[in-house]
Amino acid sequence: MLLTRAYHQLSFDISQAPGSSSVCYFLLPGGLTGDIRKWAVNASAAHSCNIVLISGMDWNKDMTPWPAEGVMKEKKNFPGGAGLFLSELLDDYLPTVEQWLKLREPVRYMAGISLSGLFAIWSLSRTDTFKGIGCISGSLWYDGFTEFVRKTDFPSSSRIYLSLGVKEKNTPDKRMAAVEEATKETVALLEGKGFDVTFEMVPGTHFSPAVPKFERALEIIVK
């Protein structure tokens, strides 16, 4: 059974695993929630982990760490509001969800896809609250990100899982086409900083097929 609640501007789809203190937060764009909602119900039981799907955020703003030029045809610039969103997540949203779930000492995990995969990796530079991080088709081509990882000290020692579709670099946008190179460089940098990193090239494109990617991320980070 999936419980759906709204809080402020966000929507939370919650699949509870009774008796488990583990909770994995998935940050999703609105268009992905359908298939993932169906998957979450079975996955929470199979992995003994509460699963919370979060959507409704200002995607281009809340998931980007600093301002950058837009991509593709729309060319809407990225405002870079991740710092504020992460603070709201840690100070308000997650504690509220954990009250709903009646979790006294939650063990937190987080995973994202596309820009929220970028956000998930970036968050490791700001907090050690997550025991595991999943980055699915993360937008690690983002301007200045690999250099940021290179120069930054990370307080976290989280387990990290990254995956990338084999077809993702085949895009006409030159910045996004660098995603495979940028992801592999990020993996090497994170390993060099002592993180336990698993990286896989998987079938498919950026978002498709989504469910196997989410299942694999959960399998790796929640142990």
N, C-alpha and C. Protein backbone atom coordinates (compact mmCIF):
# COMPACT_ATOMS: atom_id res chain seq x y z
N MET A 1 0.84 -1.20 0.00
CA MET A 1 0.00 0.00 0.00
C MET A 1 0.87 1.25 0.00
N LEU A 2 0.50 2.22 -0.83
CA LEU A 2 1.27 3.45 -0.96
C LEU A 2 0.47 4.60 -0.37
N LEU A 3 1.09 5.31 0.56
CA LEU A 3 0.46 6.47 1.17
C LEU A 3 0.99 7.72 0.50
N THR A 4 0.08 8.58 0.03
CA THR A 4 0.49 9.83 -0.61
C THR A 4 0.10 11.01 0.26
N ARG A 5 1.09 11.85 0.53
CA ARG A 5 0.83 13.06 1.32
C ARG A 5 1.49 14.25 0.66
N ALA A 6 0.88 15.42 0.86
CA ALA A 6 1.46 16.67 0.38
C ALA A 6 1.93 17.47 1.59
N TYR A 7 3.07 18.11 1.44
CA TYR A 7 3.61 18.94 2.51
C TYR A 7 4.34 20.11 1.85
N HIS A 8 3.90 21.33 2.17
CA HIS A 8 4.37 22.51 1.44
C HIS A 8 4.14 22.26 -0.05
N GLN A 9 5.16 22.47 -0.88
CA GLN A 9 4.94 22.29 -2.32
C GLN A 9 5.25 20.89 -2.80
N LEU A 10 5.68 20.01 -1.92
CA LEU A 10 6.14 18.69 -2.35
C LEU A 10 5.09 17.61 -2.17
N SER A 11 5.25 16.54 -2.96
CA SER A 11 4.40 15.37 -2.84
C SER A 11 5.27 14.19 -2.37
N PHE A 12 4.76 13.41 -1.42
CA PHE A 12 5.48 12.29 -0.86
C PHE A 12 4.66 11.01 -1.05
N ASP A 13 5.21 10.05 -1.79
CA ASP A 13 4.60 8.73 -1.93
C ASP A 13 5.41 7.78 -1.06
N ILE A 14 4.75 7.19 -0.08
CA ILE A 14 5.44 6.45 0.96
C ILE A 14 5.01 4.99 0.97
N SER A 15 6.00 4.10 0.88
CA SER A 15 5.75 2.67 1.04
C SER A 15 6.49 2.22 2.29
N GLN A 16 5.73 1.78 3.28
CA GLN A 16 6.30 1.49 4.58
C GLN A 16 6.76 0.03 4.69
N ALA A 17 7.89 -0.15 5.38
CA ALA A 17 8.39 -1.48 5.71
C ALA A 17 8.32 -1.61 7.22
N PRO A 18 7.25 -2.17 7.75
CA PRO A 18 7.06 -2.25 9.20
C PRO A 18 8.25 -2.90 9.90
N GLY A 19 8.68 -2.26 10.99
CA GLY A 19 9.78 -2.79 11.77
C GLY A 19 11.16 -2.36 11.32
N SER A 20 11.24 -1.69 10.16
CA SER A 20 12.54 -1.26 9.64
C SER A 20 12.80 0.20 9.99
N SER A 21 14.04 0.50 10.38
CA SER A 21 14.43 1.88 10.64
C SER A 21 15.08 2.52 9.42
N SER A 22 15.29 1.75 8.37
CA SER A 22 15.91 2.27 7.14
C SER A 22 14.87 3.01 6.30
N VAL A 23 15.29 4.11 5.71
CA VAL A 23 14.40 4.86 4.83
C VAL A 23 15.21 5.43 3.67
N CYS A 24 14.77 5.15 2.46
CA CYS A 24 15.45 5.63 1.27
C CYS A 24 14.56 6.65 0.56
N TYR A 25 15.11 7.82 0.36
CA TYR A 25 14.41 8.91 -0.30
C TYR A 25 14.84 8.98 -1.76
N PHE A 26 13.86 8.90 -2.66
CA PHE A 26 14.12 9.04 -4.09
C PHE A 26 13.58 10.39 -4.57
N LEU A 27 14.44 11.21 -5.15
CA LEU A 27 14.06 12.52 -5.66
C LEU A 27 13.72 12.39 -7.14
N LEU A 28 12.45 12.65 -7.49
CA LEU A 28 11.96 12.33 -8.83
C LEU A 28 11.38 13.53 -9.56
N PRO A 29 11.60 13.59 -10.88
CA PRO A 29 10.81 14.50 -11.70
C PRO A 29 9.40 13.96 -11.82
N GLY A 30 8.42 14.83 -11.99
CA GLY A 30 7.02 14.41 -11.97
C GLY A 30 6.67 13.31 -12.95
N GLY A 31 7.27 13.30 -14.13
CA GLY A 31 6.91 12.34 -15.16
C GLY A 31 7.29 10.91 -14.86
N LEU A 32 8.14 10.68 -13.87
CA LEU A 32 8.60 9.33 -13.58
C LEU A 32 7.81 8.63 -12.48
N THR A 33 6.92 9.32 -11.81
CA THR A 33 6.34 8.76 -10.59
C THR A 33 5.45 7.54 -10.83
N GLY A 34 4.81 7.42 -12.00
CA GLY A 34 3.86 6.33 -12.24
C GLY A 34 4.44 4.95 -12.05
N ASP A 35 5.41 4.57 -12.89
CA ASP A 35 6.00 3.23 -12.82
C ASP A 35 6.76 3.03 -11.51
N ILE A 36 7.42 4.07 -11.04
CA ILE A 36 8.21 3.96 -9.82
C ILE A 36 7.31 3.77 -8.61
N ARG A 37 6.13 4.36 -8.62
CA ARG A 37 5.20 4.17 -7.51
C ARG A 37 4.80 2.71 -7.39
N LYS A 38 4.54 2.06 -8.51
CA LYS A 38 4.18 0.64 -8.50
C LYS A 38 5.34 -0.21 -7.99
N TRP A 39 6.55 0.14 -8.42
CA TRP A 39 7.74 -0.61 -8.00
C TRP A 39 7.98 -0.47 -6.51
N ALA A 40 7.77 0.73 -5.96
CA ALA A 40 8.13 1.03 -4.57
C ALA A 40 7.42 0.11 -3.58
N VAL A 41 6.18 -0.25 -3.87
CA VAL A 41 5.40 -1.07 -2.93
C VAL A 41 6.07 -2.42 -2.70
N ASN A 42 6.49 -3.07 -3.78
CA ASN A 42 7.15 -4.37 -3.65
C ASN A 42 8.58 -4.23 -3.14
N ALA A 43 9.26 -3.17 -3.58
CA ALA A 43 10.67 -3.01 -3.23
C ALA A 43 10.87 -2.75 -1.75
N SER A 44 9.96 -2.02 -1.12
CA SER A 44 10.11 -1.72 0.30
C SER A 44 10.07 -3.00 1.13
N ALA A 45 9.21 -3.93 0.73
CA ALA A 45 9.13 -5.21 1.44
C ALA A 45 10.35 -6.08 1.13
N ALA A 46 10.75 -6.12 -0.12
CA ALA A 46 11.86 -6.98 -0.53
C ALA A 46 13.18 -6.57 0.12
N HIS A 47 13.36 -5.27 0.32
CA HIS A 47 14.62 -4.76 0.86
C HIS A 47 14.50 -4.34 2.32
N SER A 48 13.34 -4.56 2.92
CA SER A 48 13.10 -4.16 4.31
C SER A 48 13.53 -2.72 4.54
N CYS A 49 13.01 -1.84 3.71
CA CYS A 49 13.39 -0.43 3.76
C CYS A 49 12.18 0.42 3.41
N ASN A 50 11.87 1.39 4.24
CA ASN A 50 10.84 2.35 3.90
C ASN A 50 11.28 3.15 2.67
N ILE A 51 10.39 3.30 1.72
CA ILE A 51 10.72 4.04 0.49
C ILE A 51 9.83 5.27 0.40
N VAL A 52 10.47 6.41 0.16
CA VAL A 52 9.74 7.66 0.05
C VAL A 52 10.11 8.32 -1.28
N LEU A 53 9.12 8.47 -2.15
CA LEU A 53 9.32 9.14 -3.44
C LEU A 53 8.94 10.61 -3.28
N ILE A 54 9.88 11.49 -3.54
CA ILE A 54 9.64 12.93 -3.38
C ILE A 54 9.59 13.57 -4.75
N SER A 55 8.54 14.31 -5.02
CA SER A 55 8.41 15.04 -6.29
C SER A 55 7.75 16.38 -6.01
N GLY A 56 7.73 17.22 -7.03
CA GLY A 56 7.10 18.53 -6.90
C GLY A 56 8.06 19.67 -6.66
N MET A 57 9.36 19.36 -6.56
CA MET A 57 10.34 20.43 -6.39
C MET A 57 10.52 21.22 -7.67
N ASP A 58 11.09 22.40 -7.57
CA ASP A 58 11.46 23.19 -8.75
C ASP A 58 12.72 22.55 -9.31
N TRP A 59 12.55 21.69 -10.28
CA TRP A 59 13.59 20.77 -10.73
C TRP A 59 14.90 21.48 -11.11
N ASN A 60 14.81 22.45 -12.01
CA ASN A 60 16.02 23.12 -12.49
C ASN A 60 16.68 23.99 -11.43
N LYS A 61 15.90 24.46 -10.48
CA LYS A 61 16.45 25.31 -9.41
C LYS A 61 16.94 24.47 -8.23
N ASP A 62 16.07 23.64 -7.68
CA ASP A 62 16.36 22.95 -6.43
C ASP A 62 17.42 21.87 -6.56
N MET A 63 17.62 21.35 -7.76
CA MET A 63 18.54 20.24 -7.94
C MET A 63 19.92 20.67 -8.43
N THR A 64 20.16 21.96 -8.65
CA THR A 64 21.44 22.41 -9.20
C THR A 64 22.24 23.20 -8.17
N PRO A 65 23.54 22.90 -8.05
CA PRO A 65 24.34 23.46 -6.96
C PRO A 65 24.78 24.91 -7.15
N TRP A 66 24.84 25.38 -8.37
CA TRP A 66 25.21 26.78 -8.64
C TRP A 66 24.65 27.14 -10.02
N PRO A 67 24.55 28.43 -10.32
CA PRO A 67 23.97 28.84 -11.60
C PRO A 67 24.77 28.34 -12.80
N ALA A 68 24.07 27.99 -13.87
CA ALA A 68 24.71 27.57 -15.11
C ALA A 68 23.75 27.83 -16.27
N GLU A 69 24.31 27.89 -17.44
CA GLU A 69 23.51 28.09 -18.66
C GLU A 69 22.66 26.85 -18.91
N GLY A 70 21.47 27.06 -19.50
CA GLY A 70 20.57 25.96 -19.81
C GLY A 70 21.07 25.09 -20.94
N VAL A 71 20.35 23.99 -21.19
CA VAL A 71 20.74 23.05 -22.24
C VAL A 71 19.54 22.77 -23.16
N MET A 72 19.83 22.09 -24.26
CA MET A 72 18.83 21.68 -25.22
C MET A 72 18.08 22.89 -25.79
N LYS A 73 16.88 22.64 -26.34
CA LYS A 73 16.17 23.68 -27.07
C LYS A 73 15.63 24.78 -26.16
N GLU A 74 15.16 24.40 -24.96
CA GLU A 74 14.54 25.39 -24.09
C GLU A 74 15.55 26.41 -23.58
N LYS A 75 16.76 25.98 -23.31
CA LYS A 75 17.83 26.86 -22.85
C LYS A 75 17.45 27.65 -21.61
N LYS A 76 16.62 27.09 -20.74
CA LYS A 76 16.31 27.77 -19.49
C LYS A 76 17.49 27.61 -18.55
N ASN A 77 17.98 28.73 -18.06
CA ASN A 77 19.16 28.69 -17.21
C ASN A 77 18.87 27.97 -15.89
N PHE A 78 19.91 27.39 -15.34
CA PHE A 78 19.81 26.71 -14.04
C PHE A 78 20.14 27.72 -12.94
N PRO A 79 19.20 27.99 -12.02
CA PRO A 79 19.44 29.01 -10.99
C PRO A 79 20.41 28.61 -9.90
N GLY A 80 20.54 27.30 -9.62
CA GLY A 80 21.47 26.87 -8.59
C GLY A 80 20.95 27.04 -7.18
N GLY A 81 19.82 26.41 -6.86
CA GLY A 81 19.22 26.55 -5.54
C GLY A 81 19.37 25.34 -4.64
N ALA A 82 20.31 24.45 -4.93
CA ALA A 82 20.44 23.20 -4.17
C ALA A 82 20.76 23.42 -2.70
N GLY A 83 21.52 24.45 -2.39
CA GLY A 83 21.89 24.69 -1.00
C GLY A 83 20.68 24.93 -0.11
N LEU A 84 19.77 25.77 -0.58
CA LEU A 84 18.55 26.05 0.18
C LEU A 84 17.67 24.81 0.27
N PHE A 85 17.54 24.09 -0.84
CA PHE A 85 16.68 22.90 -0.83
C PHE A 85 17.22 21.83 0.10
N LEU A 86 18.54 21.64 0.11
CA LEU A 86 19.11 20.63 1.01
C LEU A 86 18.84 21.01 2.46
N SER A 87 18.96 22.28 2.78
CA SER A 87 18.67 22.72 4.15
C SER A 87 17.22 22.43 4.53
N GLU A 88 16.29 22.72 3.61
CA GLU A 88 14.88 22.43 3.87
C GLU A 88 14.64 20.93 4.00
N LEU A 89 15.34 20.17 3.20
CA LEU A 89 15.20 18.71 3.23
C LEU A 89 15.62 18.17 4.60
N LEU A 90 16.78 18.61 5.07
CA LEU A 90 17.32 18.08 6.32
C LEU A 90 16.62 18.62 7.55
N ASP A 91 16.21 19.89 7.50
CA ASP A 91 15.65 20.54 8.69
C ASP A 91 14.14 20.35 8.83
N ASP A 92 13.47 20.09 7.70
CA ASP A 92 12.01 20.08 7.74
C ASP A 92 11.40 18.84 7.09
N TYR A 93 11.65 18.64 5.80
CA TYR A 93 10.96 17.59 5.07
C TYR A 93 11.24 16.18 5.61
N LEU A 94 12.52 15.84 5.77
CA LEU A 94 12.83 14.48 6.22
C LEU A 94 12.36 14.22 7.65
N PRO A 95 12.60 15.12 8.60
CA PRO A 95 12.06 14.88 9.94
C PRO A 95 10.54 14.74 9.97
N THR A 96 9.85 15.49 9.11
CA THR A 96 8.39 15.38 9.05
C THR A 96 7.96 14.01 8.56
N VAL A 97 8.59 13.53 7.49
CA VAL A 97 8.27 12.20 6.97
C VAL A 97 8.57 11.13 8.02
N GLU A 98 9.67 11.28 8.71
CA GLU A 98 10.06 10.29 9.70
C GLU A 98 9.12 10.29 10.91
N GLN A 99 8.50 11.42 11.18
CA GLN A 99 7.44 11.45 12.20
C GLN A 99 6.23 10.68 11.72
N TRP A 100 5.88 10.85 10.44
CA TRP A 100 4.76 10.09 9.88
C TRP A 100 5.04 8.59 10.00
N LEU A 101 6.28 8.20 9.74
CA LEU A 101 6.66 6.78 9.77
C LEU A 101 6.95 6.28 11.18
N LYS A 102 6.97 7.20 12.15
CA LYS A 102 7.28 6.85 13.55
C LYS A 102 8.66 6.20 13.68
N LEU A 103 9.64 6.80 12.99
CA LEU A 103 11.01 6.32 13.06
C LEU A 103 11.78 7.12 14.10
N ARG A 104 12.25 6.45 15.14
CA ARG A 104 12.96 7.15 16.22
C ARG A 104 14.43 7.39 15.87
N GLU A 105 15.08 6.40 15.28
CA GLU A 105 16.48 6.54 14.89
C GLU A 105 16.63 6.08 13.43
N PRO A 106 16.19 6.92 12.50
CA PRO A 106 16.20 6.51 11.09
C PRO A 106 17.60 6.37 10.53
N VAL A 107 17.76 5.38 9.68
CA VAL A 107 18.98 5.21 8.90
C VAL A 107 18.64 5.66 7.49
N ARG A 108 19.23 6.75 7.06
CA ARG A 108 18.81 7.41 5.82
C ARG A 108 19.67 7.06 4.62
N TYR A 109 18.99 6.92 3.49
CA TYR A 109 19.62 6.75 2.19
C TYR A 109 18.93 7.71 1.22
N MET A 110 19.61 8.06 0.15
CA MET A 110 19.00 8.95 -0.84
C MET A 110 19.48 8.59 -2.24
N ALA A 111 18.57 8.68 -3.21
CA ALA A 111 18.94 8.41 -4.60
C ALA A 111 18.22 9.40 -5.50
N GLY A 112 18.87 9.72 -6.61
CA GLY A 112 18.27 10.63 -7.58
C GLY A 112 18.60 10.21 -8.99
N ILE A 113 17.89 10.78 -9.93
CA ILE A 113 18.09 10.50 -11.35
C ILE A 113 18.22 11.82 -12.09
N SER A 114 19.10 11.85 -13.08
CA SER A 114 19.32 13.06 -13.86
C SER A 114 19.84 14.18 -12.95
N LEU A 115 19.19 15.34 -12.91
CA LEU A 115 19.66 16.42 -12.06
C LEU A 115 19.63 16.07 -10.58
N SER A 116 18.68 15.23 -10.16
CA SER A 116 18.65 14.86 -8.74
C SER A 116 19.76 13.85 -8.41
N GLY A 117 20.29 13.16 -9.42
CA GLY A 117 21.49 12.35 -9.22
C GLY A 117 22.69 13.25 -8.95
N LEU A 118 22.79 14.33 -9.72
CA LEU A 118 23.80 15.36 -9.47
C LEU A 118 23.66 15.90 -8.05
N PHE A 119 22.43 16.24 -7.67
CA PHE A 119 22.16 16.77 -6.33
C PHE A 119 22.60 15.78 -5.25
N ALA A 120 22.31 14.50 -5.46
CA ALA A 120 22.65 13.48 -4.47
C ALA A 120 24.15 13.41 -4.23
N ILE A 121 24.95 13.42 -5.31
CA ILE A 121 26.40 13.39 -5.15
C ILE A 121 26.89 14.69 -4.51
N TRP A 122 26.38 15.82 -4.97
CA TRP A 122 26.79 17.11 -4.41
C TRP A 122 26.48 17.19 -2.92
N SER A 123 25.37 16.61 -2.49
CA SER A 123 24.96 16.69 -1.08
C SER A 123 26.00 16.09 -0.14
N LEU A 124 26.82 15.17 -0.64
CA LEU A 124 27.85 14.54 0.18
C LEU A 124 28.89 15.55 0.65
N SER A 125 28.97 16.68 -0.04
CA SER A 125 29.93 17.73 0.37
C SER A 125 29.39 18.57 1.52
N ARG A 126 28.09 18.41 1.81
CA ARG A 126 27.43 19.26 2.82
C ARG A 126 26.95 18.50 4.04
N THR A 127 26.77 17.19 3.93
CA THR A 127 26.17 16.44 5.04
C THR A 127 26.64 15.00 5.04
N ASP A 128 26.68 14.42 6.24
CA ASP A 128 27.00 13.00 6.36
C ASP A 128 25.79 12.21 6.85
N THR A 129 24.60 12.77 6.64
CA THR A 129 23.38 12.15 7.16
C THR A 129 22.95 10.89 6.41
N PHE A 130 23.42 10.72 5.16
CA PHE A 130 22.98 9.59 4.35
C PHE A 130 24.03 8.48 4.36
N LYS A 131 23.59 7.28 4.72
CA LYS A 131 24.50 6.14 4.78
C LYS A 131 24.85 5.64 3.38
N GLY A 132 23.95 5.85 2.44
CA GLY A 132 24.18 5.43 1.06
C GLY A 132 23.55 6.41 0.10
N ILE A 133 24.19 6.58 -1.06
CA ILE A 133 23.73 7.52 -2.09
C ILE A 133 23.66 6.81 -3.43
N GLY A 134 22.56 7.00 -4.15
CA GLY A 134 22.42 6.47 -5.49
C GLY A 134 22.33 7.59 -6.51
N CYS A 135 23.13 7.50 -7.54
CA CYS A 135 23.14 8.50 -8.62
C CYS A 135 22.86 7.77 -9.93
N ILE A 136 21.63 7.90 -10.40
CA ILE A 136 21.18 7.20 -11.60
C ILE A 136 21.17 8.17 -12.77
N SER A 137 21.98 7.90 -13.78
CA SER A 137 22.06 8.79 -14.93
C SER A 137 22.24 10.24 -14.50
N GLY A 138 23.11 10.44 -13.52
CA GLY A 138 23.31 11.77 -12.96
C GLY A 138 23.85 12.77 -13.98
N SER A 139 23.43 14.01 -13.86
CA SER A 139 23.87 15.07 -14.79
C SER A 139 25.25 15.58 -14.38
N LEU A 140 26.21 14.68 -14.37
CA LEU A 140 27.55 15.02 -13.89
C LEU A 140 28.37 15.77 -14.92
N TRP A 141 27.77 16.02 -16.08
CA TRP A 141 28.36 16.92 -17.08
C TRP A 141 28.24 18.37 -16.62
N TYR A 142 27.49 18.64 -15.56
CA TYR A 142 27.17 20.00 -15.13
C TYR A 142 28.44 20.84 -15.00
N ASP A 143 28.36 22.06 -15.47
CA ASP A 143 29.52 22.95 -15.56
C ASP A 143 30.25 23.06 -14.22
N GLY A 144 31.53 22.70 -14.24
CA GLY A 144 32.38 22.85 -13.07
C GLY A 144 32.25 21.76 -12.03
N PHE A 145 31.43 20.72 -12.30
CA PHE A 145 31.18 19.76 -11.23
C PHE A 145 32.38 18.86 -10.94
N THR A 146 33.01 18.32 -11.96
CA THR A 146 34.14 17.43 -11.68
C THR A 146 35.26 18.20 -10.98
N GLU A 147 35.47 19.44 -11.35
CA GLU A 147 36.49 20.25 -10.69
C GLU A 147 36.11 20.51 -9.23
N PHE A 148 34.81 20.71 -8.99
CA PHE A 148 34.33 20.88 -7.63
C PHE A 148 34.64 19.63 -6.79
N VAL A 149 34.36 18.45 -7.35
CA VAL A 149 34.63 17.21 -6.63
C VAL A 149 36.12 17.09 -6.35
N ARG A 150 36.93 17.44 -7.33
CA ARG A 150 38.39 17.33 -7.19
C ARG A 150 38.90 18.18 -6.01
N LYS A 151 38.36 19.38 -5.86
CA LYS A 151 38.91 20.34 -4.90
C LYS A 151 38.24 20.30 -3.52
N THR A 152 37.15 19.53 -3.39
CA THR A 152 36.33 19.61 -2.17
C THR A 152 36.63 18.48 -1.20
N ASP A 153 36.67 18.84 0.08
CA ASP A 153 36.75 17.83 1.14
C ASP A 153 35.33 17.40 1.50
N PHE A 154 35.10 16.10 1.58
CA PHE A 154 33.78 15.57 1.84
C PHE A 154 33.70 15.02 3.26
N PRO A 155 32.72 15.48 4.05
CA PRO A 155 32.58 14.96 5.42
C PRO A 155 31.98 13.57 5.47
N SER A 156 31.34 13.16 4.38
CA SER A 156 30.60 11.91 4.37
C SER A 156 31.50 10.73 4.03
N SER A 157 31.12 9.55 4.51
CA SER A 157 31.79 8.30 4.12
C SER A 157 30.76 7.33 3.54
N SER A 158 29.73 7.87 2.92
CA SER A 158 28.61 7.07 2.43
C SER A 158 29.02 6.08 1.34
N ARG A 159 28.28 4.99 1.26
CA ARG A 159 28.39 4.07 0.13
C ARG A 159 27.73 4.75 -1.08
N ILE A 160 28.34 4.66 -2.25
CA ILE A 160 27.82 5.36 -3.43
C ILE A 160 27.63 4.38 -4.57
N TYR A 161 26.47 4.49 -5.23
CA TYR A 161 26.21 3.73 -6.44
C TYR A 161 25.92 4.70 -7.58
N LEU A 162 26.60 4.53 -8.70
CA LEU A 162 26.35 5.34 -9.89
C LEU A 162 26.08 4.41 -11.06
N SER A 163 25.11 4.78 -11.88
CA SER A 163 24.87 4.04 -13.12
C SER A 163 24.62 5.03 -14.25
N LEU A 164 24.92 4.58 -15.45
CA LEU A 164 24.75 5.44 -16.63
C LEU A 164 24.33 4.57 -17.81
N GLY A 165 23.33 5.03 -18.56
CA GLY A 165 22.89 4.30 -19.74
C GLY A 165 23.93 4.36 -20.83
N VAL A 166 24.11 3.26 -21.55
CA VAL A 166 25.15 3.19 -22.57
C VAL A 166 24.91 4.15 -23.72
N LYS A 167 23.66 4.59 -23.89
CA LYS A 167 23.32 5.47 -25.01
C LYS A 167 23.30 6.95 -24.63
N GLU A 168 23.59 7.25 -23.38
CA GLU A 168 23.37 8.62 -22.91
C GLU A 168 24.28 9.66 -23.55
N LYS A 169 25.48 9.26 -23.92
CA LYS A 169 26.39 10.24 -24.52
C LYS A 169 26.00 10.59 -25.95
N ASN A 170 25.05 9.84 -26.53
CA ASN A 170 24.63 10.08 -27.91
C ASN A 170 23.56 11.16 -27.97
N THR A 171 23.94 12.37 -27.68
CA THR A 171 23.02 13.51 -27.68
C THR A 171 23.65 14.66 -28.45
N PRO A 172 22.85 15.45 -29.17
CA PRO A 172 23.42 16.56 -29.93
C PRO A 172 23.94 17.70 -29.07
N ASP A 173 23.54 17.75 -27.81
CA ASP A 173 24.01 18.81 -26.92
C ASP A 173 25.44 18.49 -26.48
N LYS A 174 26.39 19.35 -26.81
CA LYS A 174 27.80 19.05 -26.57
C LYS A 174 28.12 18.92 -25.08
N ARG A 175 27.50 19.73 -24.25
CA ARG A 175 27.78 19.64 -22.81
C ARG A 175 27.27 18.33 -22.23
N MET A 176 26.05 17.96 -22.61
CA MET A 176 25.47 16.72 -22.09
C MET A 176 26.18 15.49 -22.66
N ALA A 177 26.73 15.61 -23.86
CA ALA A 177 27.43 14.48 -24.48
C ALA A 177 28.69 14.08 -23.72
N ALA A 178 29.14 14.95 -22.83
CA ALA A 178 30.33 14.66 -22.03
C ALA A 178 30.00 13.87 -20.77
N VAL A 179 28.74 13.42 -20.64
CA VAL A 179 28.31 12.80 -19.38
C VAL A 179 29.08 11.53 -19.03
N GLU A 180 29.39 10.71 -20.03
CA GLU A 180 30.09 9.46 -19.70
C GLU A 180 31.50 9.74 -19.21
N GLU A 181 32.20 10.61 -19.89
CA GLU A 181 33.55 10.99 -19.47
C GLU A 181 33.52 11.63 -18.09
N ALA A 182 32.56 12.52 -17.85
CA ALA A 182 32.46 13.21 -16.57
C ALA A 182 32.11 12.25 -15.44
N THR A 183 31.24 11.28 -15.73
CA THR A 183 30.85 10.32 -14.71
C THR A 183 32.02 9.44 -14.32
N LYS A 184 32.75 8.96 -15.29
CA LYS A 184 33.91 8.11 -14.99
C LYS A 184 34.98 8.88 -14.22
N GLU A 185 35.16 10.15 -14.56
CA GLU A 185 36.11 10.98 -13.83
C GLU A 185 35.65 11.19 -12.39
N THR A 186 34.34 11.43 -12.21
CA THR A 186 33.80 11.61 -10.86
C THR A 186 33.97 10.35 -10.03
N VAL A 187 33.73 9.19 -10.64
CA VAL A 187 33.91 7.92 -9.95
C VAL A 187 35.35 7.79 -9.44
N ALA A 188 36.31 8.08 -10.31
CA ALA A 188 37.72 7.98 -9.93
C ALA A 188 38.07 8.95 -8.80
N LEU A 189 37.52 10.15 -8.86
CA LEU A 189 37.79 11.15 -7.82
C LEU A 189 37.20 10.72 -6.48
N LEU A 190 35.98 10.20 -6.51
CA LEU A 190 35.34 9.76 -5.27
C LEU A 190 36.07 8.56 -4.67
N GLU A 191 36.50 7.65 -5.51
CA GLU A 191 37.29 6.51 -5.01
C GLU A 191 38.58 7.01 -4.38
N GLY A 192 39.19 8.01 -5.00
CA GLY A 192 40.43 8.58 -4.46
C GLY A 192 40.24 9.25 -3.12
N LYS A 193 39.02 9.67 -2.83
CA LYS A 193 38.70 10.29 -1.54
C LYS A 193 38.26 9.26 -0.50
N GLY A 194 38.30 7.98 -0.87
CA GLY A 194 38.03 6.93 0.09
C GLY A 194 36.61 6.40 0.12
N PHE A 195 35.76 6.84 -0.80
CA PHE A 195 34.39 6.35 -0.82
C PHE A 195 34.33 4.92 -1.35
N ASP A 196 33.36 4.16 -0.88
CA ASP A 196 33.05 2.83 -1.40
C ASP A 196 32.10 3.03 -2.58
N VAL A 197 32.63 2.96 -3.80
CA VAL A 197 31.88 3.33 -5.01
C VAL A 197 31.65 2.12 -5.89
N THR A 198 30.41 1.97 -6.34
CA THR A 198 30.06 0.99 -7.38
C THR A 198 29.55 1.75 -8.59
N PHE A 199 30.14 1.50 -9.75
CA PHE A 199 29.71 2.16 -10.99
C PHE A 199 29.40 1.12 -12.04
N GLU A 200 28.26 1.30 -12.72
CA GLU A 200 27.86 0.37 -13.76
C GLU A 200 27.33 1.11 -14.98
N MET A 201 27.75 0.65 -16.16
CA MET A 201 27.12 1.05 -17.40
C MET A 201 25.97 0.08 -17.64
N VAL A 202 24.78 0.61 -17.90
CA VAL A 202 23.58 -0.23 -17.98
C VAL A 202 22.87 0.01 -19.32
N PRO A 203 22.00 -0.91 -19.74
CA PRO A 203 21.27 -0.71 -20.99
C PRO A 203 20.35 0.51 -20.90
N GLY A 204 20.11 1.12 -22.06
CA GLY A 204 19.09 2.16 -22.12
C GLY A 204 19.63 3.56 -22.28
N THR A 205 18.68 4.49 -22.17
CA THR A 205 18.96 5.90 -22.36
C THR A 205 18.91 6.61 -21.01
N HIS A 206 18.62 7.91 -21.04
CA HIS A 206 18.71 8.72 -19.82
C HIS A 206 17.70 8.28 -18.77
N PHE A 207 16.43 8.18 -19.12
CA PHE A 207 15.41 7.81 -18.16
C PHE A 207 14.92 6.36 -18.31
N SER A 208 15.10 5.79 -19.47
CA SER A 208 14.49 4.48 -19.76
C SER A 208 15.56 3.39 -19.91
N PRO A 209 15.29 2.18 -19.35
CA PRO A 209 14.15 1.83 -18.49
C PRO A 209 14.44 2.24 -17.04
N ALA A 210 13.50 2.90 -16.40
CA ALA A 210 13.74 3.49 -15.08
C ALA A 210 13.70 2.47 -13.95
N VAL A 211 12.72 1.58 -13.95
CA VAL A 211 12.52 0.69 -12.81
C VAL A 211 13.75 -0.19 -12.52
N PRO A 212 14.36 -0.86 -13.51
CA PRO A 212 15.55 -1.66 -13.20
C PRO A 212 16.68 -0.82 -12.62
N LYS A 213 16.80 0.44 -13.05
CA LYS A 213 17.86 1.30 -12.52
C LYS A 213 17.62 1.62 -11.04
N PHE A 214 16.36 1.87 -10.69
CA PHE A 214 16.04 2.18 -9.30
C PHE A 214 16.21 0.94 -8.41
N GLU A 215 15.81 -0.19 -8.93
CA GLU A 215 15.95 -1.44 -8.17
C GLU A 215 17.44 -1.72 -7.89
N ARG A 216 18.26 -1.56 -8.88
CA ARG A 216 19.69 -1.82 -8.71
C ARG A 216 20.30 -0.84 -7.72
N ALA A 217 19.94 0.42 -7.79
CA ALA A 217 20.46 1.42 -6.86
C ALA A 217 20.12 1.05 -5.43
N LEU A 218 18.87 0.68 -5.20
CA LEU A 218 18.42 0.31 -3.85
C LEU A 218 19.19 -0.93 -3.36
N GLU A 219 19.36 -1.88 -4.24
CA GLU A 219 20.05 -3.12 -3.90
C GLU A 219 21.48 -2.85 -3.43
N ILE A 220 22.15 -1.91 -4.08
CA ILE A 220 23.55 -1.64 -3.76
C ILE A 220 23.71 -0.78 -2.52
N ILE A 221 22.92 0.28 -2.40
CA ILE A 221 23.17 1.24 -1.31
C ILE A 221 22.58 0.83 0.03
N VAL A 222 21.51 0.03 0.01
CA VAL A 222 20.88 -0.40 1.26
C VAL A 222 21.35 -1.81 1.60
N LYS A 223 22.31 -1.91 2.49
CA LYS A 223 22.86 -3.21 2.85
C LYS A 223 22.84 -3.37 4.36
